Protein backbone atom coordinates (compact mmCIF):
# COMPACT_ATOMS: atom_id res chain seq x y z
CA MET A 1 18.88 129.08 -120.76
CA LYS A 2 17.61 130.54 -117.51
CA LEU A 3 16.64 127.83 -115.03
CA SER A 4 13.36 129.68 -114.45
CA LEU A 5 12.39 128.93 -118.07
CA LEU A 6 12.98 125.17 -117.75
CA PRO A 7 9.46 124.43 -116.37
CA LEU A 8 7.93 126.24 -119.35
CA ALA A 9 10.01 124.18 -121.79
CA LEU A 10 9.00 120.96 -119.99
CA GLY A 11 5.35 122.01 -120.19
CA GLY A 12 5.79 122.60 -123.91
CA LEU A 13 7.31 119.13 -124.25
CA THR A 14 4.34 117.56 -122.43
CA ILE A 15 1.84 119.43 -124.58
CA GLY A 16 3.73 118.69 -127.81
CA ILE A 17 3.73 114.93 -127.25
CA THR A 18 0.10 114.99 -126.09
CA GLU A 19 -1.04 116.80 -129.22
CA PHE A 20 1.02 115.20 -132.00
CA VAL A 21 1.61 111.59 -130.89
CA MET A 22 -2.05 110.69 -131.44
CA MET A 23 -1.57 110.93 -135.22
CA GLY A 24 0.94 108.08 -135.11
CA LEU A 25 -1.08 105.99 -132.65
CA LEU A 26 -4.41 105.99 -134.49
CA PRO A 27 -4.01 102.51 -136.08
CA ASP A 28 -3.00 100.97 -132.74
CA ILE A 29 -5.85 102.59 -130.81
CA ALA A 30 -8.37 101.71 -133.50
CA ALA A 31 -7.28 98.06 -133.47
CA ASP A 32 -7.26 97.85 -129.67
CA LEU A 33 -10.68 99.49 -129.18
CA LYS A 34 -12.15 97.80 -132.29
CA ILE A 35 -13.14 101.06 -133.98
CA SER A 36 -12.41 102.46 -137.44
CA ILE A 37 -9.45 104.77 -138.06
CA PRO A 38 -11.78 107.67 -139.06
CA GLU A 39 -13.60 107.18 -135.75
CA ALA A 40 -10.28 107.14 -133.93
CA GLY A 41 -9.49 110.39 -135.75
CA HIS A 42 -12.19 112.07 -133.65
CA LEU A 43 -9.72 111.79 -130.75
CA ILE A 44 -7.58 114.39 -132.54
CA SER A 45 -10.58 116.64 -133.10
CA ALA A 46 -11.64 116.29 -129.44
CA TYR A 47 -8.25 117.56 -128.32
CA ALA A 48 -8.39 120.54 -130.71
CA ILE A 49 -11.89 121.44 -129.47
CA GLY A 50 -10.58 121.28 -125.90
CA VAL A 51 -7.83 123.77 -126.80
CA VAL A 52 -10.27 126.22 -128.38
CA VAL A 53 -12.69 125.99 -125.44
CA GLY A 54 -10.14 125.98 -122.64
CA ALA A 55 -7.81 128.75 -123.83
CA PRO A 56 -10.07 131.74 -123.08
CA LEU A 57 -12.15 130.19 -120.28
CA LEU A 58 -9.26 129.10 -118.06
CA VAL A 59 -7.35 132.35 -118.50
CA ILE A 60 -10.42 134.39 -117.56
CA ALA A 61 -11.20 132.11 -114.61
CA GLY A 62 -7.66 132.44 -113.27
CA ARG A 63 -7.09 136.08 -114.16
CA ASN A 64 -6.50 137.21 -110.54
CA PHE A 65 -4.31 134.30 -109.50
CA PRO A 66 -0.50 134.58 -109.53
CA PRO A 67 0.90 133.17 -112.81
CA LYS A 68 2.89 130.48 -110.96
CA LYS A 69 -0.31 129.07 -109.43
CA MET A 70 -2.04 129.15 -112.81
CA LEU A 71 0.83 127.32 -114.47
CA LEU A 72 0.82 124.71 -111.69
CA ALA A 73 -2.92 124.19 -112.14
CA MET A 74 -2.52 123.75 -115.91
CA ALA A 75 0.39 121.31 -115.47
CA LEU A 76 -1.63 119.26 -112.97
CA MET A 77 -4.56 119.13 -115.40
CA LEU A 78 -2.25 117.92 -118.17
CA THR A 79 -0.85 115.21 -115.91
CA VAL A 80 -4.16 113.98 -114.50
CA PHE A 81 -6.12 114.01 -117.76
CA ASN A 82 -3.35 112.21 -119.67
CA ALA A 83 -3.23 109.67 -116.85
CA LEU A 84 -6.97 109.19 -117.38
CA SER A 85 -6.21 108.06 -120.94
CA ILE A 86 -4.03 105.27 -119.53
CA VAL A 87 -6.98 103.61 -117.78
CA ALA A 88 -9.79 104.57 -120.19
CA PRO A 89 -11.69 101.27 -120.69
CA GLY A 90 -13.25 102.28 -123.99
CA TYR A 91 -13.59 104.82 -126.76
CA ASN A 92 -16.06 107.17 -125.04
CA LEU A 93 -13.95 107.82 -121.94
CA LEU A 94 -10.82 108.16 -124.08
CA LEU A 95 -12.65 110.78 -126.16
CA VAL A 96 -13.55 112.68 -122.98
CA SER A 97 -10.00 112.45 -121.65
CA ARG A 98 -8.63 113.83 -124.93
CA PHE A 99 -11.01 116.78 -124.74
CA LEU A 100 -10.02 117.42 -121.12
CA SER A 101 -6.31 117.12 -121.99
CA GLY A 102 -6.76 119.90 -124.56
CA LEU A 103 -8.30 122.36 -122.08
CA PRO A 104 -5.05 123.54 -120.42
CA HIS A 105 -3.02 123.64 -123.66
CA GLY A 106 -3.78 127.21 -124.73
CA ALA A 107 -3.93 128.58 -121.18
CA PHE A 108 -0.51 127.15 -120.29
CA PHE A 109 1.11 128.67 -123.34
CA GLY A 110 -0.85 131.89 -122.89
CA VAL A 111 0.24 132.43 -119.31
CA GLY A 112 3.70 130.99 -120.01
CA ALA A 113 4.36 133.38 -122.90
CA VAL A 114 3.58 136.40 -120.73
CA VAL A 115 5.70 135.06 -117.84
CA ALA A 116 8.60 134.27 -120.20
CA SER A 117 8.52 137.79 -121.65
CA ARG A 118 8.51 139.27 -118.11
CA LEU A 119 11.49 137.16 -117.06
CA ALA A 120 13.47 138.11 -120.17
CA GLU A 121 16.16 140.73 -120.47
CA LYS A 122 15.03 143.81 -122.36
CA GLY A 123 15.21 143.24 -126.10
CA LYS A 124 15.24 139.42 -125.72
CA GLU A 125 11.53 138.84 -125.02
CA ALA A 126 10.87 136.79 -128.16
CA ARG A 127 13.88 134.58 -127.48
CA SER A 128 12.61 133.92 -123.97
CA VAL A 129 9.20 132.94 -125.35
CA ALA A 130 10.95 130.68 -127.87
CA VAL A 131 12.57 128.73 -125.01
CA MET A 132 9.10 127.68 -123.88
CA PHE A 133 8.17 126.60 -127.39
CA SER A 134 11.46 124.72 -127.74
CA GLY A 135 9.76 122.00 -125.69
CA LEU A 136 7.09 121.78 -128.37
CA THR A 137 9.70 121.42 -131.11
CA ILE A 138 11.77 118.87 -129.17
CA ALA A 139 8.56 116.85 -128.77
CA ASN A 140 8.43 116.50 -132.55
CA VAL A 141 12.08 115.42 -132.77
CA VAL A 142 12.25 112.97 -129.85
CA GLY A 143 9.00 112.66 -127.89
CA VAL A 144 6.57 111.88 -130.70
CA PRO A 145 8.79 109.26 -132.43
CA LEU A 146 9.51 107.65 -129.03
CA GLY A 147 5.81 107.66 -128.10
CA THR A 148 4.88 106.20 -131.48
CA PHE A 149 7.54 103.47 -131.15
CA VAL A 150 6.31 102.52 -127.67
CA GLY A 151 2.70 102.51 -128.85
CA HIS A 152 3.49 100.30 -131.87
CA ASN A 153 5.71 97.80 -130.09
CA PHE A 154 4.19 97.62 -126.60
CA SER A 155 0.91 99.45 -125.92
CA TRP A 156 -0.46 102.87 -126.75
CA ARG A 157 -1.38 103.19 -123.07
CA TYR A 158 2.33 103.14 -122.15
CA THR A 159 2.77 106.23 -124.31
CA PHE A 160 0.36 108.10 -122.05
CA VAL A 161 2.31 106.83 -119.04
CA ILE A 162 5.36 108.60 -120.48
CA ILE A 163 3.35 111.80 -121.00
CA ALA A 164 1.98 111.69 -117.46
CA VAL A 165 5.49 111.23 -116.03
CA ILE A 166 6.82 114.22 -117.98
CA GLY A 167 3.79 116.18 -116.79
CA LEU A 168 4.63 115.28 -113.18
CA ILE A 169 8.23 116.39 -113.71
CA THR A 170 6.85 119.68 -115.07
CA VAL A 171 4.82 120.18 -111.88
CA ILE A 172 7.89 119.53 -109.71
CA SER A 173 10.08 121.88 -111.76
CA LEU A 174 7.45 124.63 -111.49
CA LEU A 175 7.50 124.26 -107.71
CA LEU A 176 11.30 124.34 -107.58
CA TYR A 177 12.38 126.79 -110.26
CA MET A 178 9.53 129.08 -111.28
CA PRO A 179 9.86 132.43 -109.47
CA LYS A 180 6.83 134.21 -108.10
CA VAL A 181 5.47 136.70 -110.61
CA ALA A 182 2.91 139.19 -109.35
CA ALA A 183 -0.62 138.88 -110.70
CA ASP A 184 -1.99 141.85 -112.62
CA LYS A 185 -4.68 143.01 -110.18
CA SER A 186 -5.76 145.82 -112.51
CA THR A 187 -7.27 143.40 -115.00
CA ASN A 188 -10.89 142.24 -114.89
CA ILE A 189 -13.33 140.37 -117.09
CA LYS A 190 -14.25 143.54 -118.95
CA THR A 191 -10.59 144.28 -119.68
CA GLN A 192 -9.94 140.71 -120.77
CA LEU A 193 -12.98 140.51 -123.04
CA GLY A 194 -12.25 144.02 -124.34
CA PHE A 195 -9.34 142.42 -126.15
CA PHE A 196 -11.82 140.86 -128.59
CA GLY A 197 -13.10 144.32 -129.49
CA LYS A 198 -9.76 145.37 -131.00
CA THR A 199 -9.24 145.25 -134.75
CA GLN A 200 -5.56 144.38 -134.31
CA ALA A 201 -6.43 141.38 -132.15
CA TRP A 202 -8.71 139.87 -134.78
CA LEU A 203 -6.14 140.53 -137.49
CA VAL A 204 -3.51 138.54 -135.55
CA ILE A 205 -6.03 135.75 -134.92
CA PHE A 206 -6.80 135.63 -138.65
CA ILE A 207 -3.10 135.73 -139.59
CA THR A 208 -2.41 132.82 -137.24
CA ALA A 209 -5.37 130.66 -138.25
CA ILE A 210 -4.94 131.17 -142.00
CA GLY A 211 -1.16 131.53 -142.17
CA SER A 212 -0.42 128.48 -140.01
CA GLY A 213 -2.99 126.58 -142.06
CA GLY A 214 -0.29 126.40 -144.74
CA LEU A 215 1.77 124.21 -142.40
CA PHE A 216 -1.12 121.88 -141.65
CA ALA A 217 -2.11 121.55 -145.32
CA TRP A 218 1.42 120.20 -145.82
CA ILE A 219 2.00 118.07 -142.74
CA SER A 220 -1.48 116.47 -142.69
CA TYR A 221 -0.67 114.67 -145.95
CA ILE A 222 3.12 114.42 -145.70
CA ALA A 223 3.21 110.63 -145.39
CA PRO A 224 1.54 109.88 -148.75
CA LEU A 225 3.48 112.79 -150.30
CA LEU A 226 6.75 111.16 -149.27
CA THR A 227 5.75 107.64 -150.34
CA ASP A 228 3.69 108.28 -153.49
CA ILE A 229 5.41 111.39 -154.87
CA SER A 230 8.96 111.23 -153.50
CA GLY A 231 9.16 107.43 -153.60
CA PHE A 232 10.39 106.78 -150.06
CA ASP A 233 9.62 103.50 -148.33
CA ALA A 234 6.89 103.78 -145.69
CA GLU A 235 9.23 102.63 -142.90
CA ASN A 236 11.47 105.65 -143.56
CA VAL A 237 8.70 108.20 -143.02
CA PRO A 238 9.10 108.45 -139.19
CA TYR A 239 12.80 109.26 -139.60
CA ILE A 240 12.04 111.88 -142.24
CA LEU A 241 9.50 113.43 -139.88
CA MET A 242 12.32 113.73 -137.34
CA LEU A 243 14.11 115.86 -139.93
CA ALA A 244 11.04 118.10 -140.03
CA GLY A 245 11.24 118.27 -136.24
CA VAL A 246 14.87 119.42 -136.39
CA GLY A 247 13.79 122.15 -138.81
CA MET A 248 11.11 123.18 -136.33
CA VAL A 249 13.68 123.47 -133.52
CA VAL A 250 16.00 125.64 -135.60
CA GLY A 251 13.13 127.70 -137.03
CA ASN A 252 11.67 128.38 -133.59
CA LEU A 253 14.97 129.86 -132.38
CA ALA A 254 15.65 131.75 -135.61
CA GLY A 255 12.17 133.30 -135.72
CA ALA A 256 12.59 134.55 -132.14
CA ARG A 257 15.95 136.18 -132.90
CA LEU A 258 14.50 137.88 -135.99
CA ALA A 259 11.53 139.16 -133.99
CA ASP A 260 13.88 140.65 -131.38
CA ARG A 261 16.08 142.27 -134.01
CA PHE A 262 13.29 143.50 -136.28
CA SER A 263 9.61 144.11 -135.55
CA PRO A 264 7.49 140.96 -134.96
CA SER A 265 4.96 141.93 -137.64
CA HIS A 266 7.60 142.43 -140.35
CA THR A 267 9.19 139.13 -139.31
CA VAL A 268 5.82 137.34 -139.62
CA PHE A 269 5.29 138.81 -143.10
CA ALA A 270 8.72 137.63 -144.29
CA ILE A 271 8.22 134.14 -142.82
CA LEU A 272 4.80 133.70 -144.46
CA ILE A 273 6.25 134.73 -147.83
CA GLY A 274 9.05 132.22 -147.22
CA MET A 275 6.51 129.54 -146.35
CA ALA A 276 4.58 130.18 -149.56
CA ALA A 277 7.79 129.92 -151.60
CA THR A 278 8.81 126.70 -149.82
CA LEU A 279 5.41 125.04 -150.31
CA THR A 280 5.54 126.00 -154.00
CA ALA A 281 8.89 124.21 -154.23
CA VAL A 282 7.38 121.19 -152.46
CA PHE A 283 4.64 121.03 -155.09
CA PHE A 284 7.02 121.15 -158.05
CA LEU A 285 10.20 119.45 -156.78
CA SER A 286 9.18 116.65 -154.40
CA THR A 287 9.75 113.97 -157.07
CA ASN A 288 13.49 114.35 -156.35
CA GLN A 289 14.27 112.57 -153.08
CA TYR A 290 17.29 114.69 -152.15
CA ILE A 291 15.45 117.95 -152.76
CA SER A 292 12.42 116.54 -150.96
CA LEU A 293 14.48 115.92 -147.81
CA GLY A 294 15.80 119.48 -147.89
CA LEU A 295 12.27 120.82 -148.30
CA VAL A 296 11.02 118.76 -145.35
CA PHE A 297 13.59 120.50 -143.14
CA LEU A 298 12.91 123.92 -144.67
CA THR A 299 9.13 123.67 -144.33
CA GLY A 300 9.44 122.66 -140.68
CA PHE A 301 11.81 125.62 -140.22
CA MET A 302 9.39 128.13 -141.76
CA ALA A 303 6.38 126.77 -139.90
CA PHE A 304 7.87 127.10 -136.42
CA ALA A 305 9.76 130.31 -137.12
CA LEU A 306 6.28 131.85 -137.10
CA ILE A 307 5.45 130.98 -133.47
CA ALA A 308 7.44 133.44 -131.34
CA PRO A 309 6.93 136.50 -133.60
CA VAL A 310 3.16 136.02 -133.82
CA GLN A 311 3.00 135.56 -130.03
CA MET A 312 4.85 138.87 -129.60
CA MET A 313 2.52 140.57 -132.10
CA MET A 314 -0.43 139.53 -130.00
CA ILE A 315 1.12 140.43 -126.65
CA GLN A 316 2.09 143.89 -127.91
CA SER A 317 -1.41 144.43 -129.32
CA ALA A 318 -3.27 143.46 -126.14
CA LYS A 319 -2.10 145.68 -123.31
CA GLY A 320 -3.93 144.67 -120.13
CA ALA A 321 -5.16 141.40 -121.64
CA GLU A 322 -1.87 139.76 -122.63
CA MET A 323 -2.65 136.33 -121.18
CA ILE A 324 -5.99 135.80 -122.86
CA ALA A 325 -4.53 137.22 -126.07
CA SER A 326 -1.62 134.79 -125.98
CA ALA A 327 -3.99 131.93 -125.20
CA ALA A 328 -6.17 132.96 -128.14
CA ILE A 329 -3.16 132.45 -130.39
CA GLN A 330 -3.05 128.78 -129.37
CA ALA A 331 -6.74 128.41 -130.18
CA SER A 332 -6.02 130.06 -133.54
CA PHE A 333 -3.24 127.57 -134.30
CA ASN A 334 -5.71 124.74 -133.70
CA ILE A 335 -8.24 126.39 -136.00
CA GLY A 336 -5.42 126.53 -138.55
CA ASN A 337 -4.85 122.83 -137.92
CA ALA A 338 -8.47 122.01 -138.76
CA LEU A 339 -8.68 124.39 -141.73
CA GLY A 340 -5.38 123.30 -143.26
CA ALA A 341 -6.23 119.61 -143.02
CA PHE A 342 -9.77 120.10 -144.39
CA LEU A 343 -8.98 122.53 -147.21
CA GLY A 344 -5.78 120.68 -148.11
CA GLY A 345 -7.79 117.48 -148.46
CA LEU A 346 -10.22 118.94 -151.01
CA PRO A 347 -7.89 118.60 -154.04
CA LEU A 348 -7.40 114.95 -153.08
CA VAL A 349 -11.16 114.43 -153.05
CA TRP A 350 -11.25 115.97 -156.52
CA GLY A 351 -8.67 113.48 -157.76
CA TYR A 352 -5.46 115.52 -157.75
CA SER A 353 -2.09 114.22 -156.54
CA TYR A 354 -0.74 114.14 -153.00
CA ALA A 355 1.36 117.18 -153.87
CA SER A 356 -1.77 119.29 -154.46
CA PRO A 357 -2.50 120.15 -150.78
CA ASN A 358 0.63 122.28 -150.88
CA ILE A 359 -1.00 124.67 -153.36
CA VAL A 360 -3.75 125.17 -150.80
CA GLY A 361 -0.98 125.84 -148.29
CA VAL A 362 0.56 128.44 -150.60
CA ILE A 363 -2.76 130.27 -150.89
CA MET A 364 -3.27 130.22 -147.13
CA ALA A 365 0.27 131.48 -146.41
CA LEU A 366 -0.05 134.30 -148.96
CA THR A 367 -3.44 135.27 -147.52
CA GLY A 368 -1.84 135.44 -144.08
CA ALA A 369 0.96 137.61 -145.49
CA ALA A 370 -1.56 139.98 -147.07
CA VAL A 371 -3.42 140.37 -143.78
CA THR A 372 -0.09 140.98 -142.03
CA LEU A 373 0.46 143.96 -144.33
CA LEU A 374 -2.95 145.24 -143.28
CA PHE A 375 -1.99 144.75 -139.62
CA ILE A 376 1.22 146.72 -140.15
CA LYS A 377 -0.78 149.56 -141.65
CA VAL A 378 -3.40 149.53 -138.87
CA ALA A 379 -0.80 149.26 -136.11
CA ALA A 380 1.47 151.99 -137.49
CA PRO A 381 1.47 155.13 -135.35
CA ALA A 382 -0.09 158.15 -136.96
CA ALA A 383 2.38 160.56 -138.54
CA PRO A 384 2.80 163.81 -136.60
CA LEU A 385 0.88 166.80 -137.95
CA THR A 386 2.79 169.37 -139.96
CA GLU A 387 2.78 172.99 -138.91
CA GLU A 388 0.42 173.83 -141.80
CA GLU A 389 -2.04 171.09 -140.69
CA LYS A 390 -1.91 172.36 -137.11
CA ARG A 391 -2.69 175.93 -138.26
CA ALA A 392 -5.54 174.63 -140.46
CA ILE A 393 -7.07 172.77 -137.51
CA ALA A 394 -6.68 175.81 -135.28
CA HIS A 395 -8.62 177.91 -137.77
């Protein structure tokens, strides 16, 4: 790994723990602040809203600044706003700090993805982007279980101390190792916002929001799936989730290599079909514990194999507005988070088993695959005119 990519990976680690550790800390926070768990769940929603709001606004606001300065600003925001959670005296300030912590999420990844692709050797752009997202996957293997353990056994506030320290290390590493990358002075607000007028851009946003929703329909209800359907003891669930995290690490790297070898759009199509097949297997085969463990790894693999290719699809489709386009992908993933959790929960409301959200995930993944085919058709260069067609036009 290039040393210049280390700060991006550390930023991904900070963001990954910030986003996902809250799910494991909800009971502890609810008990400490004397609120209900559903009310504590609004802390997750506040973060997601922050991502959606901050991704385009911060990229547009910093469009003329050098990428290194933008990344430093985002890393400082992550550090300060997570530190605010440490001292939040009550629910309301904690809710605000979670919203503020979400603001730099999409912008950091948006700017970081463009910087990573610029620092990469030709033909290895997706792999370079995947290094940044490796921090996000490592967060799910090590950071989130560690943060959850600390929160359960000591205090949830100490978990945010850990996040703030990693954020500070990210700031230092950016100062030391991130090279200066020239800002794109040719871009302006009109160019940036013009991205949203492109059909291809909206297709990638839809693919990301709907396709990744398959992951969140699965992972939002994985704990009761493992205990009620697969028959695992509840205390084993955190360790099984680490297995999903390992799958995410491997999938992230594999998806990047596939996107470099083949086209990103064809890679995304294949991965979404694979995700649909895997979630179908989860629905039918999770009663077997050994198969269930294999499927946990495989689903994590498929989910994160999607990240680098879809980032490259967006970057290639948004010439002149790559940063806001890449940031929009992060907002789209968070929309997928909300949609997958909500739609996946409907069968449970209707009385079906904890395996049923995976059928919703299958439908979402297949819908994303279908839209990817449409993207491939729209993005395909027009075939050259034949001599007969040229003569017909001339006449």
